[in-house]
């Protein structure tokens, strides 16, 4: 096995073990044992568990971000919302281990940050779409960043729930997500007010 092949093997095994046991429950010993190598080989490639974990997380975050931004191919605003919802659901479906790793609290700093920062990156992509929609409907486009965080957060949390139950089918979940988001946007008030007693 070449050095590059060994590195890829260790990354795949590390990804599986981190998904199964979490960061704290994973040891360099177990990764080395599953790979059929000695612990120094893992240290040689990644400097330790932290380095291996950081590379795994960076790769998963990039994959998810690429899937979401690649899915936003144009069309009507509602269709773009569907594409974003499907992209996240597709990632959860095809990269379950990666998603399990991303949604856990990260114990080490990575170059791309945490899951929350990734969600923020995706929300930035959605922000432009919402900004145009807000302008067209006479709403304050400066609020688009806040609404994009709300929408992407809703999809991400639903994805976490769906990861465990896997029902209903992915397309049905996406349809319900878009239904709530789209019709919520459609019936939105220009100047929402609270109806309860609390005002601050």
Protein backbone atom coordinates (compact mmCIF):
# COMPACT_ATOMS: atom_id res chain seq x y z
CA UNK A 1 0.00 0.00 0.00
CA UNK A 2 1.39 3.42 -0.93
CA UNK A 3 1.54 6.24 1.62
CA UNK A 4 -1.42 7.93 -0.09
CA UNK A 5 -3.49 4.72 -0.06
CA UNK A 6 -2.65 4.14 3.61
CA UNK A 7 -3.71 7.70 4.46
CA UNK A 8 -7.06 7.18 2.67
CA UNK A 9 -7.55 3.86 4.44
CA UNK A 10 -6.93 5.47 7.84
CA UNK A 11 -9.33 8.30 7.00
CA UNK A 12 -12.11 5.85 6.06
CA UNK A 13 -11.57 3.74 9.19
CA UNK A 14 -11.33 6.85 11.36
CA UNK A 15 -14.56 8.19 9.86
CA UNK A 16 -16.36 4.93 10.66
CA UNK A 17 -15.07 4.74 14.24
CA UNK A 18 -15.76 8.43 14.99
CA UNK A 19 -19.33 7.95 13.71
CA UNK A 20 -19.81 4.83 15.85
CA UNK A 21 -18.18 5.98 19.08
CA UNK A 22 -17.79 9.76 18.90
CA UNK A 23 -14.51 11.59 19.37
CA UNK A 24 -14.03 10.78 23.06
CA UNK A 25 -14.85 7.10 22.59
CA UNK A 26 -12.38 6.66 19.75
CA UNK A 27 -8.75 5.69 20.28
CA UNK A 28 -5.71 5.65 18.03
CA UNK A 29 -5.24 2.02 19.13
CA UNK A 30 -8.59 0.96 17.68
CA UNK A 31 -8.05 2.82 14.41
CA UNK A 32 -4.58 1.25 14.04
CA UNK A 33 -5.93 -2.20 14.92
CA UNK A 34 -8.76 -2.01 12.36
CA UNK A 35 -6.26 -0.83 9.72
CA UNK A 36 -3.83 -3.61 10.60
CA UNK A 37 -1.01 -1.15 11.35
CA UNK A 38 0.88 0.03 14.41
CA UNK A 39 -0.08 3.22 16.29
CA UNK A 40 3.04 5.09 15.04
CA UNK A 41 1.69 4.79 11.47
CA UNK A 42 -1.43 6.77 12.48
CA UNK A 43 0.74 9.36 14.24
CA UNK A 44 3.03 9.58 11.22
CA UNK A 45 0.12 10.46 8.90
CA UNK A 46 -1.99 12.67 11.18
CA UNK A 47 0.02 13.51 14.30
CA UNK A 48 -2.63 11.82 16.45
CA UNK A 49 -6.37 11.46 16.91
CA UNK A 50 -6.99 15.22 16.78
CA UNK A 51 -5.31 15.57 13.38
CA UNK A 52 -7.19 12.61 11.91
CA UNK A 53 -10.50 13.93 13.26
CA UNK A 54 -9.87 17.42 11.85
CA UNK A 55 -9.24 16.02 8.35
CA UNK A 56 -12.36 13.81 8.52
CA UNK A 57 -14.53 16.77 9.62
CA UNK A 58 -13.04 19.13 7.01
CA UNK A 59 -13.76 16.62 4.24
CA UNK A 60 -17.34 16.04 5.36
CA UNK A 61 -18.06 19.74 5.69
CA UNK A 62 -16.69 20.41 2.22
CA UNK A 63 -18.72 17.55 0.75
CA UNK A 64 -21.95 18.84 2.31
CA UNK A 65 -21.28 22.43 1.26
CA UNK A 66 -20.47 21.30 -2.30
CA UNK A 67 -23.68 19.24 -2.47
CA UNK A 68 -25.84 22.14 -1.32
CA UNK A 69 -24.23 24.82 -3.49
CA UNK A 70 -24.14 22.42 -6.47
CA UNK A 71 -27.87 21.72 -6.07
CA UNK A 72 -28.86 25.38 -6.30
CA UNK A 73 -29.07 25.41 -10.07
CA UNK A 74 -31.71 28.05 -10.59
CA UNK A 75 -35.36 28.17 -11.36
CA UNK A 76 -38.21 29.52 -9.27
CA UNK A 77 -37.49 30.40 -5.62
CA UNK A 78 -39.64 27.52 -4.39
CA UNK A 79 -37.69 25.11 -6.59
CA UNK A 80 -34.41 26.43 -5.17
CA UNK A 81 -35.76 25.78 -1.68
CA UNK A 82 -36.62 22.22 -2.73
CA UNK A 83 -33.14 21.76 -4.17
CA UNK A 84 -31.49 22.91 -0.93
CA UNK A 85 -33.71 20.64 1.20
CA UNK A 86 -33.04 17.66 -1.07
CA UNK A 87 -29.28 18.32 -1.05
CA UNK A 88 -29.12 18.11 2.74
CA UNK A 89 -31.40 15.05 2.83
CA UNK A 90 -29.27 13.40 0.11
CA UNK A 91 -26.11 14.06 2.12
CA UNK A 92 -27.67 12.52 5.25
CA UNK A 93 -28.80 9.53 3.19
CA UNK A 94 -25.52 8.89 1.36
CA UNK A 95 -23.06 10.06 4.01
CA UNK A 96 -24.74 8.99 7.25
CA UNK A 97 -21.46 8.48 9.12
CA UNK A 98 -20.25 11.91 8.04
CA UNK A 99 -23.46 13.59 9.18
CA UNK A 100 -23.30 11.80 12.55
CA UNK A 101 -19.79 13.20 13.01
CA UNK A 102 -20.74 16.73 11.95
CA UNK A 103 -23.74 17.13 14.23
CA UNK A 104 -21.78 16.20 17.34
CA UNK A 105 -20.00 18.98 19.20
CA UNK A 106 -16.52 19.22 17.83
CA UNK A 107 -13.77 18.86 20.48
CA UNK A 108 -11.00 20.33 18.34
CA UNK A 109 -10.78 23.40 16.11
CA UNK A 110 -10.88 22.74 12.39
CA UNK A 111 -10.02 25.05 9.56
CA UNK A 112 -13.65 25.05 8.44
CA UNK A 113 -15.12 25.37 11.94
CA UNK A 114 -18.11 23.67 13.47
CA UNK A 115 -21.39 22.35 12.11
CA UNK A 116 -22.98 25.63 13.17
CA UNK A 117 -20.52 27.56 11.01
CA UNK A 118 -21.22 25.21 8.10
CA UNK A 119 -24.95 25.82 8.47
CA UNK A 120 -24.11 29.52 8.45
CA UNK A 121 -22.15 29.06 5.19
CA UNK A 122 -25.13 27.30 3.60
CA UNK A 123 -27.47 30.01 4.90
CA UNK A 124 -25.30 32.60 3.12
CA UNK A 125 -25.99 30.78 -0.16
CA UNK A 126 -29.75 30.89 0.54
CA UNK A 127 -29.58 34.54 1.66
CA UNK A 128 -29.17 35.85 -1.89
CA UNK A 129 -32.23 33.92 -3.08
CA UNK A 130 -34.31 35.20 -0.17
CA UNK A 131 -33.07 38.75 -0.65
CA UNK A 132 -34.39 38.81 -4.22
CA UNK A 133 -37.68 37.26 -3.11
CA UNK A 134 -38.04 39.82 -0.31
CA UNK A 135 -37.42 42.73 -2.69
CA UNK A 136 -39.95 41.38 -5.19
CA UNK A 137 -42.58 41.15 -2.44
CA UNK A 138 -41.84 44.54 -0.88
CA UNK A 139 -40.20 43.21 2.29
CA UNK A 140 -37.06 44.56 3.92
CA UNK A 141 -34.24 42.69 2.13
CA UNK A 142 -31.91 43.47 5.08
CA UNK A 143 -33.80 40.76 7.00
CA UNK A 144 -32.92 38.06 4.45
CA UNK A 145 -29.80 36.89 6.39
CA UNK A 146 -31.89 36.22 9.52
CA UNK A 147 -34.60 34.39 7.57
CA UNK A 148 -32.02 32.28 5.73
CA UNK A 149 -30.57 31.15 9.09
CA UNK A 150 -34.10 30.21 10.22
CA UNK A 151 -34.82 28.21 7.07
CA UNK A 152 -31.50 26.37 6.95
CA UNK A 153 -31.67 25.67 10.69
CA UNK A 154 -35.13 24.17 10.25
CA UNK A 155 -33.87 21.87 7.50
CA UNK A 156 -30.75 20.86 9.46
CA UNK A 157 -32.68 19.99 12.64
CA UNK A 158 -35.25 18.03 10.65
CA UNK A 159 -32.35 16.19 9.02
CA UNK A 160 -30.98 15.23 12.44
CA UNK A 161 -34.37 13.82 13.42
CA UNK A 162 -34.78 11.97 10.09
CA UNK A 163 -31.31 10.44 10.44
CA UNK A 164 -32.64 8.23 13.24
CA UNK A 165 -36.22 7.48 12.12
CA UNK A 166 -35.87 7.37 8.29
CA UNK A 167 -39.63 7.78 7.91
CA UNK A 168 -41.37 9.13 5.95
CA UNK A 169 -39.44 8.81 2.69
CA UNK A 170 -36.87 11.48 1.84
CA UNK A 171 -38.98 13.11 -0.90
CA UNK A 172 -41.96 13.38 1.45
CA UNK A 173 -39.84 14.98 4.17
CA UNK A 174 -38.46 17.48 1.63
CA UNK A 175 -42.00 18.25 0.43
CA UNK A 176 -43.19 18.94 3.99
CA UNK A 177 -40.15 21.09 4.76
CA UNK A 178 -40.73 23.18 1.66
CA UNK A 179 -44.47 23.34 2.41
CA UNK A 180 -43.86 24.85 5.84
CA UNK A 181 -41.09 27.16 4.67
CA UNK A 182 -42.74 28.34 1.45
CA UNK A 183 -46.23 28.90 2.83
CA UNK A 184 -44.73 30.51 5.91
CA UNK A 185 -42.93 32.96 3.63
CA UNK A 186 -46.00 33.42 1.48
CA UNK A 187 -48.20 34.48 4.39
CA UNK A 188 -45.55 36.61 6.05
CA UNK A 189 -46.49 39.99 7.51
CA UNK A 190 -44.40 43.01 6.48
CA UNK A 191 -44.20 44.23 10.08
CA UNK A 192 -44.81 41.28 12.44
CA UNK A 193 -45.95 42.07 15.97
CA UNK A 194 -46.08 39.92 19.09
CA UNK A 195 -49.55 39.06 20.36
CA UNK A 196 -48.60 38.12 23.93
CA UNK A 197 -47.87 40.38 26.89
CA UNK A 198 -44.11 40.13 26.62
CA UNK A 199 -42.57 42.91 24.52
CA UNK A 200 -38.85 42.69 25.33
